[in-house]
Amino acid sequence: MLVDADDDCPRELAAELLETAARARSDRQTRVVVAKSEYESWFLAAAGSIAGEREIGKSVVPPPDPESIRDAKGWISRQMRPGRSYRPTLDQAALTAVIDLAAARTAPSFDKLWREVVALLNAV
């Protein structure tokens, strides 16, 4: 399960969701990852790999602490050409397709996603 933390504490929200999922489907192995603060924070961590994509400037570099930026969607919009703004329904899948996974792993919550996916694959 993958959700955005928004203003919630990722660790507390993950524990709550995992408990709820376990009660609902104890027959299933469930993992929970909470993006801090939002999915788009991972694009910020890997900003170099999305530079030049979806009308984002070619010289974009990651901010110092990507997960501390509360409005990652706004940050992405400000990196786009004037008059263009980030729209998740149009841009999220395309940026996800080109993101540098190693760079994204510098964001602790993305690294958590990486570790959980590896654990699930190893369990198969």
C-alpha atoms as a PDB file:
ATOM      1  CA  MET A   1       0.000   0.000   0.000  1.00  0.00           C
ATOM      2  CA  LEU A   2       1.373   3.411  -0.958  1.00  0.00           C
ATOM      3  CA  VAL A   3      -0.074   6.712   0.273  1.00  0.00           C
ATOM      4  CA  ASP A   4       1.052  10.302   0.791  1.00  0.00           C
ATOM      5  CA  ALA A   5       1.641  11.459   4.357  1.00  0.00           C
ATOM      6  CA  ASP A   6       0.641  15.048   3.617  1.00  0.00           C
ATOM      7  CA  ASP A   7       0.786  16.566   7.124  1.00  0.00           C
ATOM      8  CA  ASP A   8       0.670  13.253   9.016  1.00  0.00           C
ATOM      9  CA  CYS A   9       3.645  11.538  10.604  1.00  0.00           C
ATOM     10  CA  PRO A  10       4.637   8.868   8.038  1.00  0.00           C
ATOM     11  CA  ARG A  11       5.680   6.329  10.675  1.00  0.00           C
ATOM     12  CA  GLU A  12       2.449   6.662  12.679  1.00  0.00           C
ATOM     13  CA  LEU A  13       0.251   6.602   9.578  1.00  0.00           C
ATOM     14  CA  ALA A  14       2.050   3.523   8.231  1.00  0.00           C
ATOM     15  CA  ALA A  15       1.561   1.644  11.519  1.00  0.00           C
ATOM     16  CA  GLU A  16      -2.128   2.537  11.592  1.00  0.00           C
ATOM     17  CA  LEU A  17      -2.688   1.481   7.971  1.00  0.00           C
ATOM     18  CA  LEU A  18      -0.761  -1.756   8.421  1.00  0.00           C
ATOM     19  CA  GLU A  19      -2.851  -2.658  11.457  1.00  0.00           C
ATOM     20  CA  THR A  20      -6.070  -1.916   9.568  1.00  0.00           C
ATOM     21  CA  ALA A  21      -4.933  -3.946   6.552  1.00  0.00           C
ATOM     22  CA  ALA A  22      -3.916  -6.886   8.747  1.00  0.00           C
ATOM     23  CA  ARG A  23      -7.336  -6.923  10.403  1.00  0.00           C
ATOM     24  CA  ALA A  24      -9.091  -6.771   7.039  1.00  0.00           C
ATOM     25  CA  ARG A  25      -6.924  -9.367   5.263  1.00  0.00           C
ATOM     26  CA  SER A  26      -4.852 -11.410   7.671  1.00  0.00           C
ATOM     27  CA  ASP A  27      -4.397 -13.975   4.885  1.00  0.00           C
ATOM     28  CA  ARG A  28      -2.330 -11.510   2.823  1.00  0.00           C
ATOM     29  CA  GLN A  29       1.182 -10.245   3.334  1.00  0.00           C
ATOM     30  CA  THR A  30       0.856  -6.468   3.358  1.00  0.00           C
ATOM     31  CA  ARG A  31       3.481  -3.756   3.257  1.00  0.00           C
ATOM     32  CA  VAL A  32       2.784  -0.065   3.773  1.00  0.00           C
ATOM     33  CA  VAL A  33       4.879   2.819   2.509  1.00  0.00           C
ATOM     34  CA  VAL A  34       3.994   6.422   3.239  1.00  0.00           C
ATOM     35  CA  ALA A  35       5.584   9.054   1.015  1.00  0.00           C
ATOM     36  CA  LYS A  36       6.774  12.051   3.003  1.00  0.00           C
ATOM     37  CA  SER A  37       5.033  14.463   2.313  1.00  0.00           C
ATOM     38  CA  GLU A  38       3.846  13.476  -1.133  1.00  0.00           C
ATOM     39  CA  TYR A  39       4.709  11.151  -4.009  1.00  0.00           C
ATOM     40  CA  GLU A  40       6.106  14.084  -5.967  1.00  0.00           C
ATOM     41  CA  SER A  41       8.811  14.571  -3.321  1.00  0.00           C
ATOM     42  CA  TRP A  42      10.527  11.611  -4.946  1.00  0.00           C
ATOM     43  CA  PHE A  43      10.688  13.531  -8.238  1.00  0.00           C
ATOM     44  CA  LEU A  44      12.489  16.306  -6.369  1.00  0.00           C
ATOM     45  CA  ALA A  45      15.061  13.839  -5.032  1.00  0.00           C
ATOM     46  CA  ALA A  46      15.720  12.691  -8.604  1.00  0.00           C
ATOM     47  CA  ALA A  47      15.244  16.111 -10.218  1.00  0.00           C
ATOM     48  CA  GLY A  48      18.223  15.658 -12.523  1.00  0.00           C
ATOM     49  CA  SER A  49      16.504  12.724 -14.213  1.00  0.00           C
ATOM     50  CA  ILE A  50      13.288  14.635 -14.913  1.00  0.00           C
ATOM     51  CA  ALA A  51      15.108  17.730 -16.226  1.00  0.00           C
ATOM     52  CA  GLY A  52      13.995  18.384 -19.788  1.00  0.00           C
ATOM     53  CA  GLU A  53      10.889  16.199 -19.432  1.00  0.00           C
ATOM     54  CA  ARG A  54       7.293  17.470 -19.527  1.00  0.00           C
ATOM     55  CA  GLU A  55       8.476  21.062 -20.127  1.00  0.00           C
ATOM     56  CA  ILE A  56      10.670  21.068 -17.021  1.00  0.00           C
ATOM     57  CA  GLY A  57      13.839  23.141 -17.409  1.00  0.00           C
ATOM     58  CA  LYS A  58      16.951  21.256 -18.461  1.00  0.00           C
ATOM     59  CA  SER A  59      19.108  22.655 -15.649  1.00  0.00           C
ATOM     60  CA  VAL A  60      16.939  21.512 -12.733  1.00  0.00           C
ATOM     61  CA  VAL A  61      18.841  20.080  -9.768  1.00  0.00           C
ATOM     62  CA  PRO A  62      17.495  18.452  -6.600  1.00  0.00           C
ATOM     63  CA  PRO A  63      16.825  20.721  -3.631  1.00  0.00           C
ATOM     64  CA  PRO A  64      18.945  20.004  -0.518  1.00  0.00           C
ATOM     65  CA  ASP A  65      16.198  18.176   1.443  1.00  0.00           C
ATOM     66  CA  PRO A  66      13.463  17.143  -1.011  1.00  0.00           C
ATOM     67  CA  GLU A  67      11.156  15.571   1.556  1.00  0.00           C
ATOM     68  CA  SER A  68      11.083  18.758   3.631  1.00  0.00           C
ATOM     69  CA  ILE A  69       9.361  20.672   0.826  1.00  0.00           C
ATOM     70  CA  ARG A  70       5.666  20.644   1.624  1.00  0.00           C
ATOM     71  CA  ASP A  71       4.456  21.629  -1.862  1.00  0.00           C
ATOM     72  CA  ALA A  72       6.441  19.368  -4.181  1.00  0.00           C
ATOM     73  CA  LYS A  73       3.833  19.763  -6.922  1.00  0.00           C
ATOM     74  CA  GLY A  74       4.302  23.539  -6.737  1.00  0.00           C
ATOM     75  CA  TRP A  75       8.092  23.139  -6.831  1.00  0.00           C
ATOM     76  CA  ILE A  76       7.791  21.078 -10.010  1.00  0.00           C
ATOM     77  CA  SER A  77       5.408  23.649 -11.519  1.00  0.00           C
ATOM     78  CA  ARG A  78       7.933  26.422 -10.856  1.00  0.00           C
ATOM     79  CA  GLN A  79      10.547  24.440 -12.806  1.00  0.00           C
ATOM     80  CA  MET A  80       8.281  24.239 -15.873  1.00  0.00           C
ATOM     81  CA  ARG A  81       8.072  26.779 -18.674  1.00  0.00           C
ATOM     82  CA  PRO A  82       5.963  29.855 -17.881  1.00  0.00           C
ATOM     83  CA  GLY A  83       2.247  29.164 -18.228  1.00  0.00           C
ATOM     84  CA  ARG A  84       2.683  25.429 -17.637  1.00  0.00           C
ATOM     85  CA  SER A  85       1.999  23.739 -14.317  1.00  0.00           C
ATOM     86  CA  TYR A  86       2.403  20.221 -13.046  1.00  0.00           C
ATOM     87  CA  ARG A  87      -0.772  18.176 -13.271  1.00  0.00           C
ATOM     88  CA  PRO A  88      -0.625  14.737 -11.655  1.00  0.00           C
ATOM     89  CA  THR A  89      -3.144  13.188 -14.040  1.00  0.00           C
ATOM     90  CA  LEU A  90      -1.068  14.292 -17.041  1.00  0.00           C
ATOM     91  CA  ASP A  91       2.494  14.297 -15.738  1.00  0.00           C
ATOM     92  CA  GLN A  92       2.910  11.817 -12.881  1.00  0.00           C
ATOM     93  CA  ALA A  93       3.071   8.609 -14.933  1.00  0.00           C
ATOM     94  CA  ALA A  94       5.410  10.144 -17.519  1.00  0.00           C
ATOM     95  CA  LEU A  95       7.822  11.409 -14.863  1.00  0.00           C
ATOM     96  CA  THR A  96       7.641   8.110 -12.988  1.00  0.00           C
ATOM     97  CA  ALA A  97       8.703   6.330 -16.182  1.00  0.00           C
ATOM     98  CA  VAL A  98      11.962   8.317 -16.416  1.00  0.00           C
ATOM     99  CA  ILE A  99      12.909   8.815 -12.769  1.00  0.00           C
ATOM    100  CA  ASP A 100      16.412   7.745 -11.738  1.00  0.00           C
ATOM    101  CA  LEU A 101      15.680   5.161  -9.046  1.00  0.00           C
ATOM    102  CA  ALA A 102      19.125   5.424  -7.467  1.00  0.00           C
ATOM    103  CA  ALA A 103      18.714   9.188  -7.109  1.00  0.00           C
ATOM    104  CA  ALA A 104      15.166   8.776  -5.788  1.00  0.00           C
ATOM    105  CA  ARG A 105      16.524   6.464  -3.087  1.00  0.00           C
ATOM    106  CA  THR A 106      18.194   9.484  -1.481  1.00  0.00           C
ATOM    107  CA  ALA A 107      14.679  10.292  -0.223  1.00  0.00           C
ATOM    108  CA  PRO A 108      14.234   8.083   2.857  1.00  0.00           C
ATOM    109  CA  SER A 109      10.583   7.293   2.134  1.00  0.00           C
ATOM    110  CA  PHE A 110      11.420   6.179  -1.426  1.00  0.00           C
ATOM    111  CA  ASP A 111      14.233   4.036  -0.054  1.00  0.00           C
ATOM    112  CA  LYS A 112      11.633   2.467   2.250  1.00  0.00           C
ATOM    113  CA  LEU A 113       9.483   1.695  -0.817  1.00  0.00           C
ATOM    114  CA  TRP A 114      12.504   0.147  -2.516  1.00  0.00           C
ATOM    115  CA  ARG A 115      13.268  -2.073   0.482  1.00  0.00           C
ATOM    116  CA  GLU A 116       9.637  -3.185   0.836  1.00  0.00           C
ATOM    117  CA  VAL A 117       9.374  -4.116  -2.856  1.00  0.00           C
ATOM    118  CA  VAL A 118      12.619  -6.089  -2.632  1.00  0.00           C
ATOM    119  CA  ALA A 119      11.328  -7.907   0.468  1.00  0.00           C
ATOM    120  CA  LEU A 120       8.081  -8.813  -1.282  1.00  0.00           C
ATOM    121  CA  LEU A 121       9.941 -10.076  -4.354  1.00  0.00           C
ATOM    122  CA  ASN A 122      12.303 -12.133  -2.217  1.00  0.00           C
ATOM    123  CA  ALA A 123       9.310 -13.724  -0.487  1.00  0.00           C
ATOM    124  CA  VAL A 124       7.938 -15.065  -3.785  1.00  0.00           C
END
